[in-house]
Amino acid sequence: MTAESKLFLISAASGTGKSSLINSAMIELENIGKKVELSISYTTRDERSDNQDFYFFISKENFQDKINDNFFLEHAEVHGNMYGTSREFVQEKLLQGINLILEIDVQGVQSIKNKTFPCESIFLLPPSMQSLSDRLQSRGTNSKDNIDLRIKNAYSEIFHAKKYDHILINDDFEECCKNLVSIIQGENAFPFDDAKEMFLKKLLY
């Protein structure tokens, strides 16, 4: 890792718009000359057809083999599927002076922090739980049971937001994207505070 490179861990409940925000932020960062790439994780889930997939898709057997070989920096089961991050991939990119953005669930973030691996964590909150449900339904790729499971999991995931270094609320896409860029640039911080405490209580209860 160089002094200029860093691993950014970004979490959000399914349906928050995480992928869209990250893609827009990366375009802005690249336009101003910031070296940044998306860390590509491994997963056992099925590939979607909406061109929003940035994964290496492998079988459950192959995934287990990689676990046994200590291939992953972290791995976890999410929504019934396995996800994992290649330790070698992350280390090589950081050594090249490239900032990495890793879309990751709360289990994965905790796993990486437990290893004391240098990183900065960001949690993206939705403007409401209804917006999560609406977005998941609009995809047309999730069954009702799957949507119900993701909403149930969202409550648990959002509860952990206060443990992150930064918390952003995606109620205004452009503003949220600008704030995400400023975090990666090292210009601003958006820690947990009283206002976010009140927002979380409203969101969860």
N, C-alpha and C. Protein backbone atom coordinates (compact mmCIF):
# COMPACT_ATOMS: atom_id res chain seq x y z
N MET A 1 0.84 -1.20 0.00
CA MET A 1 0.00 0.00 0.00
C MET A 1 0.87 1.25 0.00
N THR A 2 0.50 2.25 -0.74
CA THR A 2 1.24 3.52 -0.74
C THR A 2 0.50 4.52 0.13
N ALA A 3 1.15 5.65 0.39
CA ALA A 3 0.52 6.68 1.22
C ALA A 3 -0.70 7.27 0.54
N GLU A 4 -0.74 7.17 -0.77
CA GLU A 4 -1.84 7.78 -1.52
C GLU A 4 -3.04 6.84 -1.71
N SER A 5 -2.85 5.57 -1.51
CA SER A 5 -3.93 4.61 -1.80
C SER A 5 -4.63 4.15 -0.53
N LYS A 6 -5.92 3.82 -0.68
CA LYS A 6 -6.69 3.39 0.47
C LYS A 6 -7.82 2.47 0.01
N LEU A 7 -8.24 1.59 0.92
CA LEU A 7 -9.37 0.72 0.68
C LEU A 7 -10.60 1.33 1.33
N PHE A 8 -11.64 1.59 0.52
CA PHE A 8 -12.89 2.16 1.03
C PHE A 8 -13.97 1.07 1.02
N LEU A 9 -14.53 0.81 2.17
CA LEU A 9 -15.58 -0.20 2.32
C LEU A 9 -16.93 0.51 2.34
N ILE A 10 -17.79 0.19 1.38
CA ILE A 10 -19.09 0.85 1.28
C ILE A 10 -20.21 -0.16 1.45
N SER A 11 -21.07 0.09 2.44
CA SER A 11 -22.19 -0.80 2.71
C SER A 11 -23.51 -0.04 2.60
N ALA A 12 -24.57 -0.81 2.31
CA ALA A 12 -25.91 -0.25 2.25
C ALA A 12 -26.89 -1.40 2.15
N ALA A 13 -28.08 -1.20 2.63
CA ALA A 13 -29.13 -2.20 2.47
C ALA A 13 -29.48 -2.32 0.99
N SER A 14 -29.84 -3.51 0.57
CA SER A 14 -30.22 -3.73 -0.83
C SER A 14 -31.38 -2.82 -1.21
N GLY A 15 -31.19 -2.05 -2.31
CA GLY A 15 -32.24 -1.13 -2.75
C GLY A 15 -31.94 0.32 -2.42
N THR A 16 -30.79 0.58 -1.81
CA THR A 16 -30.42 1.96 -1.43
C THR A 16 -29.89 2.75 -2.62
N GLY A 17 -29.45 2.06 -3.67
CA GLY A 17 -28.88 2.75 -4.83
C GLY A 17 -27.37 2.82 -4.75
N LYS A 18 -26.77 1.90 -4.01
CA LYS A 18 -25.33 1.89 -3.78
C LYS A 18 -24.52 1.81 -5.07
N SER A 19 -24.87 0.87 -5.94
CA SER A 19 -24.10 0.69 -7.18
C SER A 19 -24.14 1.92 -8.06
N SER A 20 -25.31 2.53 -8.19
CA SER A 20 -25.45 3.73 -9.02
C SER A 20 -24.61 4.88 -8.46
N LEU A 21 -24.62 5.04 -7.15
CA LEU A 21 -23.84 6.11 -6.52
C LEU A 21 -22.35 5.88 -6.71
N ILE A 22 -21.92 4.65 -6.50
CA ILE A 22 -20.50 4.34 -6.65
C ILE A 22 -20.04 4.58 -8.09
N ASN A 23 -20.85 4.13 -9.05
CA ASN A 23 -20.48 4.32 -10.46
C ASN A 23 -20.34 5.80 -10.80
N SER A 24 -21.27 6.62 -10.35
CA SER A 24 -21.21 8.06 -10.62
C SER A 24 -20.02 8.71 -9.93
N ALA A 25 -19.76 8.30 -8.68
CA ALA A 25 -18.62 8.85 -7.94
C ALA A 25 -17.30 8.49 -8.62
N MET A 26 -17.20 7.27 -9.12
CA MET A 26 -15.97 6.85 -9.79
C MET A 26 -15.71 7.65 -11.05
N ILE A 27 -16.76 7.96 -11.80
CA ILE A 27 -16.61 8.77 -13.01
C ILE A 27 -16.07 10.16 -12.65
N GLU A 28 -16.64 10.77 -11.59
CA GLU A 28 -16.18 12.09 -11.17
C GLU A 28 -14.73 12.04 -10.69
N LEU A 29 -14.38 11.00 -9.94
CA LEU A 29 -13.02 10.87 -9.43
C LEU A 29 -12.01 10.68 -10.56
N GLU A 30 -12.38 9.87 -11.53
CA GLU A 30 -11.49 9.64 -12.68
C GLU A 30 -11.32 10.92 -13.49
N ASN A 31 -12.37 11.73 -13.57
CA ASN A 31 -12.31 12.99 -14.32
C ASN A 31 -11.35 14.01 -13.69
N ILE A 32 -11.14 13.87 -12.38
CA ILE A 32 -10.22 14.80 -11.71
C ILE A 32 -8.86 14.15 -11.45
N GLY A 33 -8.65 12.98 -12.07
CA GLY A 33 -7.34 12.35 -12.01
C GLY A 33 -7.06 11.48 -10.81
N LYS A 34 -8.11 11.12 -10.06
CA LYS A 34 -7.93 10.25 -8.89
C LYS A 34 -7.90 8.79 -9.34
N LYS A 35 -6.86 8.07 -8.95
CA LYS A 35 -6.76 6.66 -9.30
C LYS A 35 -7.69 5.84 -8.41
N VAL A 36 -8.75 5.31 -8.98
CA VAL A 36 -9.73 4.56 -8.19
C VAL A 36 -10.34 3.45 -9.04
N GLU A 37 -10.50 2.30 -8.44
CA GLU A 37 -11.11 1.17 -9.12
C GLU A 37 -12.09 0.48 -8.18
N LEU A 38 -12.97 -0.30 -8.77
CA LEU A 38 -13.92 -1.08 -8.00
C LEU A 38 -13.31 -2.45 -7.73
N SER A 39 -13.27 -2.84 -6.47
CA SER A 39 -12.76 -4.16 -6.12
C SER A 39 -13.81 -5.19 -6.55
N ILE A 40 -13.38 -6.19 -7.29
CA ILE A 40 -14.31 -7.19 -7.82
C ILE A 40 -14.33 -8.40 -6.89
N SER A 41 -15.50 -8.66 -6.32
CA SER A 41 -15.65 -9.76 -5.38
C SER A 41 -16.08 -11.04 -6.09
N TYR A 42 -15.95 -12.14 -5.38
CA TYR A 42 -16.42 -13.44 -5.85
C TYR A 42 -17.77 -13.74 -5.21
N THR A 43 -18.67 -14.37 -5.96
CA THR A 43 -19.97 -14.71 -5.39
C THR A 43 -20.52 -15.99 -6.01
N THR A 44 -21.39 -16.64 -5.24
CA THR A 44 -22.05 -17.85 -5.72
C THR A 44 -23.46 -17.55 -6.23
N ARG A 45 -23.89 -16.29 -6.15
CA ARG A 45 -25.26 -15.98 -6.60
C ARG A 45 -25.34 -15.94 -8.11
N ASP A 46 -26.58 -15.98 -8.64
CA ASP A 46 -26.81 -15.93 -10.08
C ASP A 46 -26.55 -14.53 -10.61
N GLU A 47 -26.09 -14.44 -11.84
CA GLU A 47 -25.83 -13.15 -12.47
C GLU A 47 -27.14 -12.50 -12.88
N ARG A 48 -27.26 -11.18 -12.63
CA ARG A 48 -28.45 -10.45 -13.05
C ARG A 48 -28.27 -9.97 -14.48
N SER A 49 -29.36 -9.54 -15.10
CA SER A 49 -29.33 -9.12 -16.51
C SER A 49 -29.44 -7.61 -16.67
N ASP A 50 -29.17 -6.84 -15.59
CA ASP A 50 -29.35 -5.38 -15.66
C ASP A 50 -28.05 -4.62 -15.82
N ASN A 51 -26.96 -5.35 -16.14
CA ASN A 51 -25.66 -4.72 -16.37
C ASN A 51 -25.11 -4.00 -15.14
N GLN A 52 -25.57 -4.37 -13.94
CA GLN A 52 -25.08 -3.77 -12.71
C GLN A 52 -24.21 -4.74 -11.92
N ASP A 53 -23.81 -5.84 -12.55
CA ASP A 53 -23.04 -6.87 -11.87
C ASP A 53 -21.54 -6.67 -12.05
N PHE A 54 -20.81 -6.63 -10.95
CA PHE A 54 -19.36 -6.53 -11.00
C PHE A 54 -18.78 -7.60 -10.07
N TYR A 55 -18.93 -8.84 -10.47
CA TYR A 55 -18.50 -9.97 -9.66
C TYR A 55 -17.83 -11.04 -10.53
N PHE A 56 -17.04 -11.89 -9.86
CA PHE A 56 -16.60 -13.14 -10.46
C PHE A 56 -17.60 -14.19 -9.97
N PHE A 57 -18.33 -14.81 -10.88
CA PHE A 57 -19.35 -15.78 -10.51
C PHE A 57 -18.76 -17.18 -10.52
N ILE A 58 -18.81 -17.85 -9.36
CA ILE A 58 -18.23 -19.19 -9.24
C ILE A 58 -19.21 -20.10 -8.51
N SER A 59 -18.93 -21.39 -8.58
CA SER A 59 -19.79 -22.38 -7.93
C SER A 59 -19.54 -22.40 -6.42
N LYS A 60 -20.48 -22.98 -5.68
CA LYS A 60 -20.31 -23.10 -4.24
C LYS A 60 -19.10 -23.97 -3.90
N GLU A 61 -18.87 -24.99 -4.71
CA GLU A 61 -17.73 -25.87 -4.48
C GLU A 61 -16.41 -25.12 -4.66
N ASN A 62 -16.34 -24.31 -5.74
CA ASN A 62 -15.13 -23.51 -6.00
C ASN A 62 -14.92 -22.50 -4.88
N PHE A 63 -16.00 -21.91 -4.41
CA PHE A 63 -15.91 -20.92 -3.34
C PHE A 63 -15.34 -21.55 -2.07
N GLN A 64 -15.84 -22.75 -1.75
CA GLN A 64 -15.36 -23.44 -0.55
C GLN A 64 -13.88 -23.79 -0.67
N ASP A 65 -13.45 -24.16 -1.87
CA ASP A 65 -12.04 -24.46 -2.10
C ASP A 65 -11.17 -23.24 -1.80
N LYS A 66 -11.66 -22.05 -2.22
CA LYS A 66 -10.91 -20.82 -1.99
C LYS A 66 -10.87 -20.47 -0.50
N ILE A 67 -11.94 -20.76 0.21
CA ILE A 67 -11.94 -20.56 1.67
C ILE A 67 -10.87 -21.42 2.31
N ASN A 68 -10.82 -22.68 1.89
CA ASN A 68 -9.85 -23.62 2.43
C ASN A 68 -8.41 -23.20 2.14
N ASP A 69 -8.22 -22.50 1.01
CA ASP A 69 -6.88 -22.05 0.60
C ASP A 69 -6.51 -20.68 1.18
N ASN A 70 -7.39 -20.12 2.05
CA ASN A 70 -7.16 -18.80 2.65
C ASN A 70 -7.01 -17.72 1.57
N PHE A 71 -7.81 -17.86 0.52
CA PHE A 71 -7.76 -16.96 -0.63
C PHE A 71 -8.40 -15.60 -0.30
N PHE A 72 -9.39 -15.59 0.58
CA PHE A 72 -10.18 -14.39 0.82
C PHE A 72 -9.68 -13.53 1.97
N LEU A 73 -9.71 -12.21 1.76
CA LEU A 73 -9.48 -11.25 2.84
C LEU A 73 -10.66 -11.31 3.80
N GLU A 74 -11.84 -11.49 3.23
CA GLU A 74 -13.07 -11.68 4.00
C GLU A 74 -14.05 -12.44 3.14
N HIS A 75 -14.99 -13.13 3.78
CA HIS A 75 -16.08 -13.77 3.06
C HIS A 75 -17.26 -13.91 4.00
N ALA A 76 -18.45 -13.94 3.44
CA ALA A 76 -19.65 -14.03 4.25
C ALA A 76 -20.82 -14.53 3.42
N GLU A 77 -21.84 -15.02 4.10
CA GLU A 77 -23.08 -15.43 3.44
C GLU A 77 -24.08 -14.30 3.59
N VAL A 78 -24.65 -13.85 2.46
CA VAL A 78 -25.61 -12.75 2.44
C VAL A 78 -26.79 -13.14 1.57
N HIS A 79 -27.99 -13.06 2.11
CA HIS A 79 -29.20 -13.40 1.37
C HIS A 79 -29.11 -14.80 0.75
N GLY A 80 -28.48 -15.72 1.45
CA GLY A 80 -28.41 -17.09 0.98
C GLY A 80 -27.30 -17.38 -0.01
N ASN A 81 -26.47 -16.37 -0.32
CA ASN A 81 -25.36 -16.56 -1.25
C ASN A 81 -24.04 -16.18 -0.58
N MET A 82 -22.94 -16.73 -1.10
CA MET A 82 -21.62 -16.44 -0.55
C MET A 82 -20.93 -15.33 -1.34
N TYR A 83 -20.24 -14.46 -0.62
CA TYR A 83 -19.47 -13.36 -1.22
C TYR A 83 -18.09 -13.33 -0.58
N GLY A 84 -17.05 -13.03 -1.37
CA GLY A 84 -15.72 -12.97 -0.81
C GLY A 84 -14.81 -12.03 -1.59
N THR A 85 -13.80 -11.49 -0.91
CA THR A 85 -12.85 -10.55 -1.50
C THR A 85 -11.46 -11.17 -1.53
N SER A 86 -10.84 -11.15 -2.69
CA SER A 86 -9.49 -11.70 -2.85
C SER A 86 -8.47 -10.83 -2.14
N ARG A 87 -7.72 -11.44 -1.22
CA ARG A 87 -6.69 -10.73 -0.49
C ARG A 87 -5.59 -10.21 -1.44
N GLU A 88 -5.18 -11.07 -2.37
CA GLU A 88 -4.11 -10.71 -3.30
C GLU A 88 -4.53 -9.56 -4.22
N PHE A 89 -5.76 -9.58 -4.70
CA PHE A 89 -6.26 -8.53 -5.58
C PHE A 89 -6.18 -7.17 -4.89
N VAL A 90 -6.66 -7.11 -3.65
CA VAL A 90 -6.66 -5.85 -2.90
C VAL A 90 -5.24 -5.36 -2.66
N GLN A 91 -4.38 -6.22 -2.19
CA GLN A 91 -3.01 -5.82 -1.88
C GLN A 91 -2.26 -5.33 -3.11
N GLU A 92 -2.43 -6.00 -4.23
CA GLU A 92 -1.73 -5.60 -5.45
C GLU A 92 -2.17 -4.22 -5.93
N LYS A 93 -3.47 -3.96 -5.91
CA LYS A 93 -3.98 -2.66 -6.36
C LYS A 93 -3.48 -1.53 -5.47
N LEU A 94 -3.51 -1.74 -4.15
CA LEU A 94 -3.06 -0.70 -3.23
C LEU A 94 -1.57 -0.43 -3.38
N LEU A 95 -0.80 -1.46 -3.62
CA LEU A 95 0.64 -1.29 -3.83
C LEU A 95 0.94 -0.50 -5.11
N GLN A 96 0.00 -0.58 -6.08
CA GLN A 96 0.14 0.16 -7.33
C GLN A 96 -0.32 1.62 -7.18
N GLY A 97 -0.74 2.00 -5.98
CA GLY A 97 -1.19 3.36 -5.74
C GLY A 97 -2.61 3.62 -6.19
N ILE A 98 -3.40 2.55 -6.34
CA ILE A 98 -4.78 2.66 -6.79
C ILE A 98 -5.72 2.54 -5.60
N ASN A 99 -6.62 3.52 -5.43
CA ASN A 99 -7.63 3.45 -4.39
C ASN A 99 -8.68 2.42 -4.80
N LEU A 100 -9.13 1.63 -3.84
CA LEU A 100 -10.12 0.60 -4.13
C LEU A 100 -11.42 0.88 -3.40
N ILE A 101 -12.53 0.72 -4.11
CA ILE A 101 -13.86 0.80 -3.51
C ILE A 101 -14.42 -0.61 -3.47
N LEU A 102 -14.80 -1.05 -2.29
CA LEU A 102 -15.34 -2.39 -2.13
C LEU A 102 -16.78 -2.32 -1.62
N GLU A 103 -17.73 -2.77 -2.45
CA GLU A 103 -19.11 -2.90 -2.02
C GLU A 103 -19.19 -4.13 -1.14
N ILE A 104 -19.60 -3.95 0.11
CA ILE A 104 -19.49 -5.05 1.07
C ILE A 104 -20.58 -4.94 2.14
N ASP A 105 -20.97 -6.09 2.69
CA ASP A 105 -21.99 -6.11 3.72
C ASP A 105 -21.35 -5.86 5.09
N VAL A 106 -22.19 -5.69 6.11
CA VAL A 106 -21.69 -5.35 7.44
C VAL A 106 -20.81 -6.46 8.02
N GLN A 107 -21.12 -7.72 7.70
CA GLN A 107 -20.29 -8.82 8.19
C GLN A 107 -18.87 -8.70 7.65
N GLY A 108 -18.76 -8.40 6.35
CA GLY A 108 -17.46 -8.29 5.72
C GLY A 108 -16.64 -7.14 6.27
N VAL A 109 -17.30 -6.01 6.53
CA VAL A 109 -16.61 -4.85 7.09
C VAL A 109 -16.01 -5.21 8.45
N GLN A 110 -16.82 -5.86 9.28
CA GLN A 110 -16.34 -6.24 10.61
C GLN A 110 -15.18 -7.22 10.52
N SER A 111 -15.26 -8.14 9.56
CA SER A 111 -14.21 -9.12 9.38
C SER A 111 -12.89 -8.45 9.01
N ILE A 112 -12.94 -7.49 8.08
CA ILE A 112 -11.73 -6.78 7.65
C ILE A 112 -11.17 -5.94 8.80
N LYS A 113 -12.05 -5.26 9.54
CA LYS A 113 -11.58 -4.44 10.66
C LYS A 113 -10.98 -5.29 11.76
N ASN A 114 -11.51 -6.48 11.95
CA ASN A 114 -10.95 -7.39 12.96
C ASN A 114 -9.52 -7.81 12.61
N LYS A 115 -9.23 -7.80 11.31
CA LYS A 115 -7.87 -8.14 10.86
C LYS A 115 -6.96 -6.92 10.90
N THR A 116 -7.48 -5.79 11.35
CA THR A 116 -6.76 -4.51 11.41
C THR A 116 -6.18 -4.12 10.05
N PHE A 117 -6.88 -4.50 8.97
CA PHE A 117 -6.46 -4.10 7.63
C PHE A 117 -6.81 -2.63 7.44
N PRO A 118 -5.88 -1.78 6.99
CA PRO A 118 -6.15 -0.34 6.82
C PRO A 118 -7.31 -0.09 5.85
N CYS A 119 -8.32 0.64 6.30
CA CYS A 119 -9.49 0.90 5.45
C CYS A 119 -10.30 2.06 6.03
N GLU A 120 -11.26 2.51 5.27
CA GLU A 120 -12.19 3.56 5.70
C GLU A 120 -13.58 3.09 5.32
N SER A 121 -14.51 3.10 6.27
CA SER A 121 -15.85 2.55 6.04
C SER A 121 -16.91 3.62 5.86
N ILE A 122 -17.83 3.36 4.92
CA ILE A 122 -18.90 4.30 4.59
C ILE A 122 -20.22 3.55 4.52
N PHE A 123 -21.25 4.04 5.21
CA PHE A 123 -22.57 3.42 5.13
C PHE A 123 -23.53 4.38 4.45
N LEU A 124 -24.26 3.86 3.45
CA LEU A 124 -25.25 4.65 2.72
C LEU A 124 -26.64 4.30 3.22
N LEU A 125 -27.37 5.30 3.70
CA LEU A 125 -28.72 5.09 4.21
C LEU A 125 -29.76 5.49 3.17
N PRO A 126 -30.90 4.78 3.11
CA PRO A 126 -31.98 5.16 2.21
C PRO A 126 -32.81 6.28 2.85
N PRO A 127 -33.56 7.03 2.08
CA PRO A 127 -34.40 8.07 2.67
C PRO A 127 -35.56 7.49 3.47
N SER A 128 -35.97 6.25 3.15
CA SER A 128 -37.05 5.58 3.87
C SER A 128 -37.01 4.09 3.57
N MET A 129 -37.66 3.29 4.41
CA MET A 129 -37.73 1.86 4.16
C MET A 129 -38.64 1.58 2.96
N GLN A 130 -39.63 2.44 2.74
CA GLN A 130 -40.52 2.26 1.60
C GLN A 130 -39.76 2.39 0.29
N SER A 131 -38.78 3.30 0.27
CA SER A 131 -37.99 3.48 -0.95
C SER A 131 -37.19 2.22 -1.28
N LEU A 132 -36.75 1.49 -0.25
CA LEU A 132 -36.05 0.22 -0.47
C LEU A 132 -36.98 -0.78 -1.15
N SER A 133 -38.17 -0.92 -0.60
CA SER A 133 -39.14 -1.87 -1.14
C SER A 133 -39.49 -1.53 -2.59
N ASP A 134 -39.72 -0.24 -2.86
CA ASP A 134 -40.09 0.20 -4.20
C ASP A 134 -38.98 -0.11 -5.20
N ARG A 135 -37.74 0.15 -4.81
CA ARG A 135 -36.61 -0.08 -5.71
C ARG A 135 -36.42 -1.57 -5.98
N LEU A 136 -36.55 -2.40 -4.96
CA LEU A 136 -36.40 -3.83 -5.14
C LEU A 136 -37.48 -4.39 -6.07
N GLN A 137 -38.70 -3.90 -5.91
CA GLN A 137 -39.79 -4.35 -6.77
C GLN A 137 -39.61 -3.90 -8.20
N SER A 138 -39.05 -2.69 -8.38
CA SER A 138 -38.90 -2.15 -9.73
C SER A 138 -37.85 -2.90 -10.54
N ARG A 139 -36.94 -3.61 -9.86
CA ARG A 139 -35.93 -4.38 -10.58
C ARG A 139 -36.57 -5.49 -11.41
N GLY A 140 -37.63 -6.07 -10.88
CA GLY A 140 -38.30 -7.15 -11.60
C GLY A 140 -37.53 -8.45 -11.60
N THR A 141 -36.49 -8.54 -10.77
CA THR A 141 -35.65 -9.75 -10.74
C THR A 141 -35.76 -10.49 -9.41
N ASN A 142 -36.49 -9.93 -8.46
CA ASN A 142 -36.60 -10.53 -7.14
C ASN A 142 -38.02 -11.02 -6.87
N SER A 143 -38.14 -12.21 -6.30
CA SER A 143 -39.44 -12.75 -5.92
C SER A 143 -39.93 -12.02 -4.67
N LYS A 144 -41.23 -12.17 -4.36
CA LYS A 144 -41.77 -11.52 -3.17
C LYS A 144 -41.06 -12.03 -1.91
N ASP A 145 -40.80 -13.32 -1.85
CA ASP A 145 -40.10 -13.87 -0.69
C ASP A 145 -38.71 -13.29 -0.55
N ASN A 146 -38.03 -13.12 -1.71
CA ASN A 146 -36.68 -12.56 -1.69
C ASN A 146 -36.70 -11.11 -1.25
N ILE A 147 -37.68 -10.35 -1.73
CA ILE A 147 -37.81 -8.94 -1.33
C ILE A 147 -38.08 -8.84 0.17
N ASP A 148 -38.98 -9.70 0.67
CA ASP A 148 -39.30 -9.69 2.10
C ASP A 148 -38.05 -10.00 2.93
N LEU A 149 -37.23 -10.94 2.45
CA LEU A 149 -36.00 -11.29 3.16
C LEU A 149 -35.03 -10.12 3.17
N ARG A 150 -34.90 -9.44 2.03
CA ARG A 150 -33.97 -8.32 1.94
C ARG A 150 -34.41 -7.15 2.82
N ILE A 151 -35.72 -6.90 2.90
CA ILE A 151 -36.22 -5.84 3.76
C ILE A 151 -35.97 -6.19 5.23
N LYS A 152 -36.21 -7.45 5.57
CA LYS A 152 -35.95 -7.90 6.94
C LYS A 152 -34.48 -7.73 7.29
N ASN A 153 -33.60 -8.13 6.36
CA ASN A 153 -32.17 -7.99 6.60
C ASN A 153 -31.74 -6.53 6.67
N ALA A 154 -32.45 -5.67 5.92
CA ALA A 154 -32.09 -4.24 5.89
C ALA A 154 -32.16 -3.62 7.28
N TYR A 155 -33.16 -4.01 8.06
CA TYR A 155 -33.28 -3.45 9.41
C TYR A 155 -32.05 -3.79 10.24
N SER A 156 -31.59 -5.03 10.13
CA SER A 156 -30.41 -5.46 10.88
C SER A 156 -29.16 -4.75 10.38
N GLU A 157 -29.03 -4.60 9.05
CA GLU A 157 -27.84 -3.97 8.48
C GLU A 157 -27.76 -2.49 8.84
N ILE A 158 -28.89 -1.78 8.72
CA ILE A 158 -28.92 -0.35 8.99
C ILE A 158 -28.60 -0.07 10.45
N PHE A 159 -28.97 -0.98 11.34
CA PHE A 159 -28.69 -0.82 12.77
C PHE A 159 -27.20 -0.65 13.04
N HIS A 160 -26.36 -1.25 12.17
CA HIS A 160 -24.91 -1.20 12.35
C HIS A 160 -24.27 0.05 11.75
N ALA A 161 -25.05 0.91 11.12
CA ALA A 161 -24.50 2.07 10.42
C ALA A 161 -23.66 2.95 11.34
N LYS A 162 -24.07 3.08 12.59
CA LYS A 162 -23.37 3.98 13.52
C LYS A 162 -21.93 3.55 13.81
N LYS A 163 -21.57 2.32 13.44
CA LYS A 163 -20.21 1.83 13.67
C LYS A 163 -19.25 2.24 12.55
N TYR A 164 -19.77 2.85 11.49
CA TYR A 164 -18.96 3.20 10.32
C TYR A 164 -18.28 4.56 10.50
N ASP A 165 -17.20 4.75 9.74
CA ASP A 165 -16.47 6.02 9.81
C ASP A 165 -17.29 7.18 9.24
N HIS A 166 -18.07 6.89 8.21
CA HIS A 166 -18.91 7.92 7.56
C HIS A 166 -20.31 7.37 7.33
N ILE A 167 -21.31 8.24 7.43
CA ILE A 167 -22.69 7.87 7.12
C ILE A 167 -23.28 8.91 6.18
N LEU A 168 -23.77 8.46 5.02
CA LEU A 168 -24.41 9.34 4.05
C LEU A 168 -25.85 8.89 3.84
N ILE A 169 -26.74 9.86 3.61
CA ILE A 169 -28.15 9.56 3.35
C ILE A 169 -28.45 9.84 1.89
N ASN A 170 -28.92 8.84 1.17
CA ASN A 170 -29.17 8.99 -0.27
C ASN A 170 -30.59 9.52 -0.51
N ASP A 171 -30.86 10.73 0.01
CA ASP A 171 -32.16 11.36 -0.26
C ASP A 171 -32.07 12.32 -1.43
N ASP A 172 -30.84 12.72 -1.78
CA ASP A 172 -30.58 13.56 -2.95
C ASP A 172 -29.38 12.94 -3.65
N PHE A 173 -29.59 12.32 -4.80
CA PHE A 173 -28.53 11.54 -5.45
C PHE A 173 -27.29 12.38 -5.73
N GLU A 174 -27.46 13.55 -6.31
CA GLU A 174 -26.32 14.39 -6.68
C GLU A 174 -25.53 14.82 -5.46
N GLU A 175 -26.24 15.21 -4.40
CA GLU A 175 -25.57 15.65 -3.17
C GLU A 175 -24.84 14.49 -2.51
N CYS A 176 -25.47 13.34 -2.48
CA CYS A 176 -24.86 12.15 -1.87
C CYS A 176 -23.61 11.75 -2.65
N CYS A 177 -23.68 11.82 -3.96
CA CYS A 177 -22.53 11.48 -4.81
C CYS A 177 -21.39 12.46 -4.56
N LYS A 178 -21.70 13.74 -4.45
CA LYS A 178 -20.68 14.76 -4.18
C LYS A 178 -19.99 14.50 -2.84
N ASN A 179 -20.79 14.12 -1.84
CA ASN A 179 -20.23 13.84 -0.52
C ASN A 179 -19.36 12.57 -0.53
N LEU A 180 -19.78 11.59 -1.31
CA LEU A 180 -18.99 10.36 -1.42
C LEU A 180 -17.64 10.65 -2.06
N VAL A 181 -17.64 11.47 -3.09
CA VAL A 181 -16.40 11.88 -3.75
C VAL A 181 -15.49 12.62 -2.77
N SER A 182 -16.06 13.50 -1.97
CA SER A 182 -15.24 14.28 -1.03
C SER A 182 -14.61 13.39 0.04
N ILE A 183 -15.30 12.31 0.43
CA ILE A 183 -14.72 11.37 1.40
C ILE A 183 -13.50 10.68 0.80
N ILE A 184 -13.66 10.20 -0.43
CA ILE A 184 -12.57 9.47 -1.08
C ILE A 184 -11.41 10.40 -1.40
N GLN A 185 -11.71 11.66 -1.62
CA GLN A 185 -10.66 12.67 -1.83
C GLN A 185 -9.97 13.05 -0.52
N GLY A 186 -10.55 12.66 0.59
CA GLY A 186 -9.99 13.01 1.88
C GLY A 186 -10.28 14.44 2.29
N GLU A 187 -11.34 15.01 1.72
CA GLU A 187 -11.66 16.42 1.96
C GLU A 187 -12.64 16.62 3.11
N ASN A 188 -13.59 15.70 3.29
CA ASN A 188 -14.62 15.87 4.31
C ASN A 188 -14.91 14.55 5.02
N ALA A 189 -15.46 14.66 6.21
CA ALA A 189 -15.88 13.49 6.98
C ALA A 189 -17.36 13.65 7.34
N PHE A 190 -18.07 12.53 7.38
CA PHE A 190 -19.49 12.55 7.70
C PHE A 190 -19.78 11.49 8.77
N PRO A 191 -19.27 11.73 10.00
CA PRO A 191 -19.42 10.74 11.06
C PRO A 191 -20.83 10.69 11.65
N PHE A 192 -21.05 9.69 12.47
CA PHE A 192 -22.32 9.56 13.18
C PHE A 192 -22.47 10.70 14.17
N ASP A 193 -23.64 11.36 14.17
CA ASP A 193 -23.87 12.47 15.09
C ASP A 193 -25.32 12.43 15.57
N ASP A 194 -25.73 13.44 16.31
CA ASP A 194 -27.08 13.46 16.88
C ASP A 194 -28.15 13.48 15.80
N ALA A 195 -27.90 14.22 14.72
CA ALA A 195 -28.88 14.31 13.64
C ALA A 195 -29.09 12.94 12.99
N LYS A 196 -28.00 12.22 12.79
CA LYS A 196 -28.10 10.90 12.19
C LYS A 196 -28.72 9.89 13.16
N GLU A 197 -28.49 10.10 14.44
CA GLU A 197 -29.13 9.26 15.47
C GLU A 197 -30.64 9.38 15.36
N MET A 198 -31.14 10.61 15.23
CA MET A 198 -32.58 10.85 15.10
C MET A 198 -33.10 10.25 13.81
N PHE A 199 -32.32 10.38 12.72
CA PHE A 199 -32.75 9.84 11.44
C PHE A 199 -32.84 8.32 11.50
N LEU A 200 -31.86 7.68 12.13
CA LEU A 200 -31.86 6.23 12.26
C LEU A 200 -33.07 5.74 13.05
N LYS A 201 -33.40 6.44 14.13
CA LYS A 201 -34.56 6.04 14.93
C LYS A 201 -35.84 6.14 14.12
N LYS A 202 -35.95 7.20 13.33
CA LYS A 202 -37.12 7.38 12.48
C LYS A 202 -37.19 6.30 11.42
N LEU A 203 -36.03 5.95 10.88
CA LEU A 203 -35.95 4.96 9.80
C LEU A 203 -36.30 3.56 10.31
N LEU A 204 -35.80 3.23 11.49
CA LEU A 204 -35.92 1.85 11.99
C LEU A 204 -37.19 1.63 12.83
N TYR A 205 -37.71 2.70 13.42
CA TYR A 205 -38.83 2.49 14.34
C TYR A 205 -40.08 3.26 13.94
